[in-house]
């Protein structure tokens, strides 16, 4: 696996790979991860039994990307893998292309975000972006596609259908699971949240795309009607100071959390007002915990949520719709429970990590059996 980020960094890709790589290892694949080295991490360690090599990245973004690519190529040559699985259209993809050219190692590529700021559109705007897309078209053995939106974008740049393989993101169903009422109350007491009648949760990067600012905008109105309710925000990023300085009654900022599971299990509703998404792990993990999710109808979200049945869908940048939908759920406990049960059922049916790992293992086998082609 070649990835810009990996555990202990917190994020959707990191969460996916953190659970996917050991599952693939259990399926008799000798998995290794090459990623960036974060402050406070070692150049080499094993995470959940998977060897992780952390490449140095220093200086401005172009220099850091070049450093990562060169270091990754050296490590790839040393490891001599049968197959590379690269994530996002950035330096991991560049290293994968060069590995194909220099060492004849086939690779599979996963774009993780669609829409105006997704992998395809961002690459088109970069220096030599069209040239780099041509290289990906020519050298990638296949594309691991996580949503219909991304599939359509890949088709629009000339990636043939035979190379676009849909494999959804997956969740550890044993870890992310609903609690009974008694278990939930006990968990809230341990977390110091027992005084809230309802808990709304946002968990994600604090960046404009995720729209935490919308929550700050609508929360005073909601809190005026539900004064015992609490809004918990988890994450870090450039909008952190805006969250902290808002100083709103009932708002709790918890920063970055390595384990979000207790928050999903303690909450009543997850809020995802994003402008753009791929197939967010936060969505799948929350639904696996039986949480009703209020989310914008973007990326792969409508492929998982059926509005009113397995969650609630709202338009992008619509504070009124966000407020009304939250009000509907807060005022109807039976609706919340019905949606939560249906959400868990959908995840159990198609998004368990074992099923996802088996599909990817099959994809890898096809590529290798066909000497690096699909």
Protein backbone atom coordinates (compact mmCIF):
# COMPACT_ATOMS: atom_id res chain seq x y z
CA UNK A 1 0.00 0.00 0.00
CA UNK A 2 1.27 3.46 -0.96
CA UNK A 3 -0.60 6.16 0.95
CA UNK A 4 -0.05 9.81 1.81
CA UNK A 5 -1.37 9.12 5.31
CA UNK A 6 -1.60 6.18 7.68
CA UNK A 7 -2.21 5.55 11.37
CA UNK A 8 -1.80 7.24 13.82
CA UNK A 9 -2.86 10.10 11.53
CA UNK A 10 -6.63 10.50 11.76
CA UNK A 11 -8.68 10.55 8.56
CA UNK A 12 -10.91 8.50 6.27
CA UNK A 13 -8.14 6.87 4.23
CA UNK A 14 -6.13 6.21 7.37
CA UNK A 15 -9.14 4.61 9.05
CA UNK A 16 -9.83 2.42 6.03
CA UNK A 17 -6.25 1.23 5.58
CA UNK A 18 -5.85 0.70 9.31
CA UNK A 19 -8.55 -1.97 9.27
CA UNK A 20 -8.10 -3.18 5.67
CA UNK A 21 -4.39 -4.04 5.71
CA UNK A 22 -4.51 -6.48 8.65
CA UNK A 23 -7.64 -8.07 7.15
CA UNK A 24 -5.81 -8.60 3.83
CA UNK A 25 -2.88 -10.00 5.78
CA UNK A 26 -5.23 -12.52 7.38
CA UNK A 27 -6.19 -13.52 3.84
CA UNK A 28 -2.59 -14.63 3.20
CA UNK A 29 -1.37 -11.46 1.50
CA UNK A 30 2.04 -10.19 2.64
CA UNK A 31 0.99 -6.59 3.16
CA UNK A 32 3.40 -3.65 3.58
CA UNK A 33 2.60 0.07 3.86
CA UNK A 34 4.73 2.96 2.59
CA UNK A 35 3.61 6.35 3.86
CA UNK A 36 4.85 9.77 5.05
CA UNK A 37 6.69 10.05 8.32
CA UNK A 38 4.79 12.12 10.87
CA UNK A 39 6.35 14.01 13.76
CA UNK A 40 6.81 11.63 16.67
CA UNK A 41 6.68 8.44 14.58
CA UNK A 42 9.45 5.95 13.81
CA UNK A 43 10.89 5.27 10.33
CA UNK A 44 9.68 1.67 10.71
CA UNK A 45 7.10 -0.01 12.90
CA UNK A 46 4.44 -2.67 12.77
CA UNK A 47 0.82 -1.54 13.09
CA UNK A 48 -1.68 -4.33 13.77
CA UNK A 49 0.90 -6.80 12.46
CA UNK A 50 1.52 -4.88 9.22
CA UNK A 51 5.02 -3.49 8.46
CA UNK A 52 4.86 0.30 7.98
CA UNK A 53 7.73 2.26 6.40
CA UNK A 54 7.57 6.02 6.94
CA UNK A 55 9.31 8.16 4.32
CA UNK A 56 10.85 11.56 5.22
CA UNK A 57 8.98 14.65 3.99
CA UNK A 58 10.34 18.11 4.66
CA UNK A 59 10.07 21.60 3.21
CA UNK A 60 7.46 23.13 0.87
CA UNK A 61 4.88 20.80 -0.68
CA UNK A 62 6.68 20.27 -4.06
CA UNK A 63 9.96 19.39 -2.33
CA UNK A 64 8.21 17.18 0.23
CA UNK A 65 6.39 15.34 -2.58
CA UNK A 66 9.65 14.80 -4.45
CA UNK A 67 11.34 13.52 -1.26
CA UNK A 68 8.49 11.09 -0.66
CA UNK A 69 8.53 9.82 -4.23
CA UNK A 70 12.30 9.21 -4.30
CA UNK A 71 12.33 7.55 -0.87
CA UNK A 72 9.30 5.42 -1.75
CA UNK A 73 10.95 4.24 -4.98
CA UNK A 74 14.04 3.14 -3.05
CA UNK A 75 11.92 1.20 -0.57
CA UNK A 76 9.80 -0.34 -3.36
CA UNK A 77 12.94 -1.53 -5.11
CA UNK A 78 14.14 -3.08 -1.86
CA UNK A 79 10.81 -4.80 -1.11
CA UNK A 80 10.22 -5.85 -4.74
CA UNK A 81 6.45 -6.37 -4.33
CA UNK A 82 4.28 -8.26 -6.81
CA UNK A 83 1.69 -5.48 -6.81
CA UNK A 84 1.28 -1.89 -5.58
CA UNK A 85 -2.01 -0.38 -4.43
CA UNK A 86 -1.67 3.43 -4.47
CA UNK A 87 -4.12 5.90 -2.94
CA UNK A 88 -5.09 9.32 -4.37
CA UNK A 89 -3.76 11.05 -7.49
CA UNK A 90 -0.79 12.61 -5.67
CA UNK A 91 2.74 11.48 -4.83
CA UNK A 92 1.77 7.83 -4.10
CA UNK A 93 0.34 7.62 -7.65
CA UNK A 94 3.50 9.20 -9.06
CA UNK A 95 5.66 6.66 -7.23
CA UNK A 96 3.43 3.85 -8.52
CA UNK A 97 3.75 5.03 -12.14
CA UNK A 98 7.53 5.27 -11.85
CA UNK A 99 7.67 1.82 -10.27
CA UNK A 100 5.79 0.43 -13.26
CA UNK A 101 8.19 2.14 -15.68
CA UNK A 102 11.42 1.40 -13.82
CA UNK A 103 10.73 -1.94 -12.13
CA UNK A 104 7.77 -3.31 -14.13
CA UNK A 105 5.61 -3.59 -10.98
CA UNK A 106 1.87 -3.36 -11.76
CA UNK A 107 -0.33 -1.11 -9.66
CA UNK A 108 -3.95 -0.49 -8.76
CA UNK A 109 -5.07 3.04 -7.95
CA UNK A 110 -7.83 4.36 -5.68
CA UNK A 111 -9.16 7.92 -6.06
CA UNK A 112 -10.86 8.77 -2.76
CA UNK A 113 -12.74 11.98 -3.52
CA UNK A 114 -15.03 13.10 -6.33
CA UNK A 115 -16.56 16.41 -7.36
CA UNK A 116 -14.97 19.82 -7.97
CA UNK A 117 -12.19 19.28 -5.44
CA UNK A 118 -11.83 15.54 -6.01
CA UNK A 119 -8.84 13.63 -7.35
CA UNK A 120 -9.65 14.00 -11.05
CA UNK A 121 -10.61 17.69 -11.05
CA UNK A 122 -7.71 18.70 -8.79
CA UNK A 123 -5.24 16.89 -11.03
CA UNK A 124 -6.58 18.70 -14.09
CA UNK A 125 -5.72 22.03 -12.42
CA UNK A 126 -2.19 21.05 -11.42
CA UNK A 127 1.01 21.82 -13.31
CA UNK A 128 1.38 19.08 -15.95
CA UNK A 129 -1.92 17.67 -14.69
CA UNK A 130 -3.15 16.43 -18.08
CA UNK A 131 0.22 14.79 -18.72
CA UNK A 132 0.07 13.02 -15.34
CA UNK A 133 -3.48 11.83 -16.08
CA UNK A 134 -2.24 10.36 -19.38
CA UNK A 135 0.44 8.47 -17.48
CA UNK A 136 -2.17 7.08 -15.08
CA UNK A 137 -4.39 6.05 -18.01
CA UNK A 138 -1.46 4.28 -19.67
CA UNK A 139 0.19 2.54 -16.74
CA UNK A 140 -2.45 1.77 -14.08
CA UNK A 141 -3.56 -1.86 -14.24
CA UNK A 142 -6.90 -1.01 -12.69
CA UNK A 143 -8.87 1.44 -10.58
CA UNK A 144 -10.47 0.59 -7.26
CA UNK A 145 -13.66 2.69 -7.45
CA UNK A 146 -15.57 3.55 -4.26
CA UNK A 147 -18.54 5.52 -5.67
CA UNK A 148 -20.56 6.03 -8.85
CA UNK A 149 -19.55 9.70 -8.95
CA UNK A 150 -15.86 8.78 -9.06
CA UNK A 151 -16.59 6.04 -11.60
CA UNK A 152 -18.24 8.58 -13.91
CA UNK A 153 -15.31 10.97 -13.53
CA UNK A 154 -12.83 8.23 -14.43
CA UNK A 155 -14.93 7.38 -17.47
CA UNK A 156 -14.89 11.05 -18.51
CA UNK A 157 -11.07 11.04 -18.71
CA UNK A 158 -10.96 7.90 -20.80
CA UNK A 159 -10.50 5.11 -18.27
CA UNK A 160 -12.15 2.05 -19.88
CA UNK A 161 -14.95 0.31 -18.02
CA UNK A 162 -12.96 -2.93 -17.75
CA UNK A 163 -10.38 -1.13 -15.60
CA UNK A 164 -12.91 0.44 -13.21
CA UNK A 165 -13.78 -2.02 -10.44
CA UNK A 166 -16.33 -1.02 -7.80
CA UNK A 167 -15.30 -2.07 -4.29
CA UNK A 168 -16.90 -0.11 -1.47
CA UNK A 169 -15.10 1.03 1.66
CA UNK A 170 -15.55 -1.28 4.62
CA UNK A 171 -16.07 -1.26 8.39
CA UNK A 172 -15.03 -3.51 11.25
CA UNK A 173 -18.51 -4.62 12.30
CA UNK A 174 -17.30 -6.13 15.58
CA UNK A 175 -15.80 -2.83 16.70
CA UNK A 176 -18.40 -0.43 15.34
CA UNK A 177 -21.69 -1.71 16.74
CA UNK A 178 -24.76 -0.31 18.50
CA UNK A 179 -25.09 -0.36 22.28
CA UNK A 180 -28.15 -1.14 24.36
CA UNK A 181 -29.82 1.77 26.14
CA UNK A 182 -28.20 0.78 29.43
CA UNK A 183 -24.75 0.41 27.83
CA UNK A 184 -25.13 3.80 26.15
CA UNK A 185 -26.04 5.53 29.38
CA UNK A 186 -23.11 3.92 31.18
CA UNK A 187 -20.76 5.03 28.39
CA UNK A 188 -22.04 8.61 28.60
CA UNK A 189 -21.37 8.62 32.34
CA UNK A 190 -17.80 7.42 31.80
CA UNK A 191 -17.29 10.15 29.18
CA UNK A 192 -18.82 12.88 31.36
CA UNK A 193 -21.75 13.39 28.98
CA UNK A 194 -24.58 12.12 31.18
CA UNK A 195 -26.21 15.55 31.54
CA UNK A 196 -27.08 15.86 27.85
CA UNK A 197 -30.56 14.77 26.81
CA UNK A 198 -29.43 14.45 23.19
CA UNK A 199 -25.94 14.40 21.64
CA UNK A 200 -25.25 15.54 18.10
CA UNK A 201 -21.84 14.70 16.65
CA UNK A 202 -19.54 16.02 13.93
CA UNK A 203 -16.37 13.99 13.28
CA UNK A 204 -14.04 15.02 10.48
CA UNK A 205 -11.30 17.31 9.30
CA UNK A 206 -11.95 20.94 10.17
CA UNK A 207 -11.66 22.22 6.60
CA UNK A 208 -14.05 24.33 4.50
CA UNK A 209 -15.13 21.32 2.41
CA UNK A 210 -16.59 19.64 5.52
CA UNK A 211 -18.61 22.78 6.45
CA UNK A 212 -18.35 22.81 10.25
CA UNK A 213 -19.16 26.52 9.91
CA UNK A 214 -22.74 25.54 9.02
CA UNK A 215 -23.08 23.78 12.36
CA UNK A 216 -21.91 26.90 14.18
CA UNK A 217 -24.53 28.86 12.25
CA UNK A 218 -27.52 26.65 13.03
CA UNK A 219 -26.61 25.45 16.51
CA UNK A 220 -27.81 28.50 18.54
CA UNK A 221 -31.29 28.14 17.02
CA UNK A 222 -31.42 24.40 17.70
CA UNK A 223 -30.01 24.77 21.21
CA UNK A 224 -32.64 27.37 22.07
CA UNK A 225 -35.31 24.69 21.54
CA UNK A 226 -33.30 21.83 23.03
CA UNK A 227 -31.29 23.50 25.82
CA UNK A 228 -30.21 20.12 27.27
CA UNK A 229 -28.76 18.94 23.94
CA UNK A 230 -25.05 18.98 23.18
CA UNK A 231 -23.05 19.31 19.96
CA UNK A 232 -19.69 17.53 20.02
CA UNK A 233 -17.14 18.40 17.34
CA UNK A 234 -14.17 16.07 16.77
CA UNK A 235 -11.33 16.85 14.41
CA UNK A 236 -8.45 19.14 13.64
CA UNK A 237 -7.52 21.49 10.82
CA UNK A 238 -7.36 25.12 9.74
CA UNK A 239 -10.87 25.90 11.07
CA UNK A 240 -10.04 24.78 14.60
CA UNK A 241 -9.66 28.33 15.93
CA UNK A 242 -13.05 29.26 14.48
CA UNK A 243 -14.63 26.39 16.41
CA UNK A 244 -12.89 27.27 19.66
CA UNK A 245 -13.63 30.99 19.44
CA UNK A 246 -17.34 30.41 18.70
CA UNK A 247 -17.91 29.83 22.45
CA UNK A 248 -21.46 28.53 21.96
CA UNK A 249 -23.55 27.10 24.78
CA UNK A 250 -23.80 23.32 24.52
CA UNK A 251 -20.89 23.07 22.06
CA UNK A 252 -17.99 20.80 23.08
CA UNK A 253 -14.82 20.71 21.00
CA UNK A 254 -12.86 17.51 21.62
CA UNK A 255 -9.99 17.99 19.15
CA UNK A 256 -8.51 15.03 17.33
CA UNK A 257 -9.37 11.57 18.68
CA UNK A 258 -7.52 8.39 17.71
CA UNK A 259 -10.58 6.30 18.58
CA UNK A 260 -13.93 7.77 17.59
CA UNK A 261 -15.90 4.60 18.36
CA UNK A 262 -17.13 5.71 21.82
CA UNK A 263 -18.39 8.99 20.41
CA UNK A 264 -20.42 7.23 17.72
CA UNK A 265 -21.86 4.88 20.33
CA UNK A 266 -22.69 7.68 22.77
CA UNK A 267 -24.28 10.04 20.23
CA UNK A 268 -27.85 10.28 18.94
CA UNK A 269 -27.25 11.84 15.51
CA UNK A 270 -24.21 12.29 13.22
CA UNK A 271 -24.03 15.48 11.15
CA UNK A 272 -22.19 15.60 7.79
CA UNK A 273 -22.95 18.90 5.98
CA UNK A 274 -20.02 18.50 3.51
CA UNK A 275 -19.76 20.20 0.13
CA UNK A 276 -17.92 17.21 -1.34
CA UNK A 277 -17.18 13.61 -0.32
CA UNK A 278 -16.07 10.25 -1.69
CA UNK A 279 -17.46 7.39 0.37
CA UNK A 280 -16.65 8.65 3.88
CA UNK A 281 -15.55 6.15 6.49
CA UNK A 282 -17.17 8.33 9.15
CA UNK A 283 -20.54 7.75 7.50
CA UNK A 284 -20.11 3.97 7.38
CA UNK A 285 -18.75 3.72 10.92
CA UNK A 286 -21.57 5.82 12.37
CA UNK A 287 -24.22 3.82 10.53
CA UNK A 288 -22.60 0.59 11.76
CA UNK A 289 -23.10 1.94 15.30
CA UNK A 290 -26.79 2.41 14.57
CA UNK A 291 -26.64 6.19 14.31
CA UNK A 292 -29.06 8.15 12.10
CA UNK A 293 -26.96 10.39 9.87
CA UNK A 294 -27.91 13.78 8.46
CA UNK A 295 -25.73 14.25 5.38
CA UNK A 296 -25.57 16.20 2.16
CA UNK A 297 -26.42 14.34 -1.04
CA UNK A 298 -22.88 14.36 -2.48
CA UNK A 299 -20.31 11.80 -3.61
CA UNK A 300 -21.09 8.22 -2.64
CA UNK A 301 -23.40 9.20 0.25
CA UNK A 302 -26.70 8.74 -1.71
CA UNK A 303 -25.50 5.26 -2.68
CA UNK A 304 -25.55 4.29 1.01
CA UNK A 305 -28.33 6.47 2.45
CA UNK A 306 -31.92 6.22 1.31
CA UNK A 307 -33.54 9.41 2.58
CA UNK A 308 -35.97 8.75 5.40
CA UNK A 309 -35.06 5.05 5.63
CA UNK A 310 -31.34 4.66 6.37
CA UNK A 311 -30.57 8.33 7.04
CA UNK A 312 -31.55 11.84 6.02
CA UNK A 313 -30.24 13.66 2.95
CA UNK A 314 -30.14 17.45 2.61
CA UNK A 315 -28.94 19.85 -0.10
CA UNK A 316 -25.47 21.38 0.03
CA UNK A 317 -25.14 24.73 1.82
CA UNK A 318 -28.73 24.83 3.08
CA UNK A 319 -28.88 25.90 6.76
CA UNK A 320 -32.68 25.84 6.78
CA UNK A 321 -32.83 22.23 5.58
CA UNK A 322 -30.13 21.24 8.07
CA UNK A 323 -32.02 22.86 10.95
CA UNK A 324 -35.39 21.35 9.99
CA UNK A 325 -33.95 17.85 9.56
CA UNK A 326 -32.21 17.99 12.94
CA UNK A 327 -35.44 19.24 14.53
CA UNK A 328 -37.38 16.37 12.94
CA UNK A 329 -35.02 13.78 14.38
CA UNK A 330 -34.63 15.35 17.82
CA UNK A 331 -38.40 15.50 18.15
CA UNK A 332 -39.03 11.91 17.10
CA UNK A 333 -37.21 9.22 19.08
CA UNK A 334 -38.90 6.32 17.29
CA UNK A 335 -37.80 7.71 13.91
CA UNK A 336 -34.21 7.93 15.14
CA UNK A 337 -34.27 4.32 16.33
CA UNK A 338 -35.89 3.01 13.12
CA UNK A 339 -33.38 4.81 10.92
CA UNK A 340 -30.51 3.62 13.12
CA UNK A 341 -31.59 -0.02 12.85
CA UNK A 342 -31.99 0.24 9.09
CA UNK A 343 -28.58 1.94 8.80
CA UNK A 344 -26.89 -0.90 10.70
CA UNK A 345 -28.61 -3.42 8.43
CA UNK A 346 -27.29 -1.76 5.26
CA UNK A 347 -23.73 -1.79 6.60
CA UNK A 348 -23.98 -5.42 7.69
CA UNK A 349 -25.26 -6.36 4.24
CA UNK A 350 -22.60 -4.77 2.05
CA UNK A 351 -19.88 -2.90 3.92
CA UNK A 352 -18.26 -5.35 6.32
CA UNK A 353 -14.46 -5.23 6.05
CA UNK A 354 -14.20 -8.98 5.42
CA UNK A 355 -16.32 -8.71 2.27
CA UNK A 356 -14.41 -5.65 1.08
CA UNK A 357 -11.04 -7.32 1.65
CA UNK A 358 -12.15 -10.41 -0.26
CA UNK A 359 -13.22 -8.28 -3.24
CA UNK A 360 -9.86 -6.48 -3.27
CA UNK A 361 -7.98 -9.76 -2.96
CA UNK A 362 -9.88 -11.00 -6.03
CA UNK A 363 -8.99 -7.78 -7.90
CA UNK A 364 -5.30 -8.22 -7.07
CA UNK A 365 -5.41 -11.85 -8.21
CA UNK A 366 -6.92 -10.91 -11.58
CA UNK A 367 -4.26 -8.25 -12.17
CA UNK A 368 -1.43 -10.62 -11.30
CA UNK A 369 -2.89 -13.49 -13.32
CA UNK A 370 -3.01 -11.21 -16.35
CA UNK A 371 0.58 -9.97 -15.92
CA UNK A 372 -0.39 -6.54 -14.67
CA UNK A 373 -3.51 -5.94 -16.74
CA UNK A 374 -7.27 -6.17 -16.32
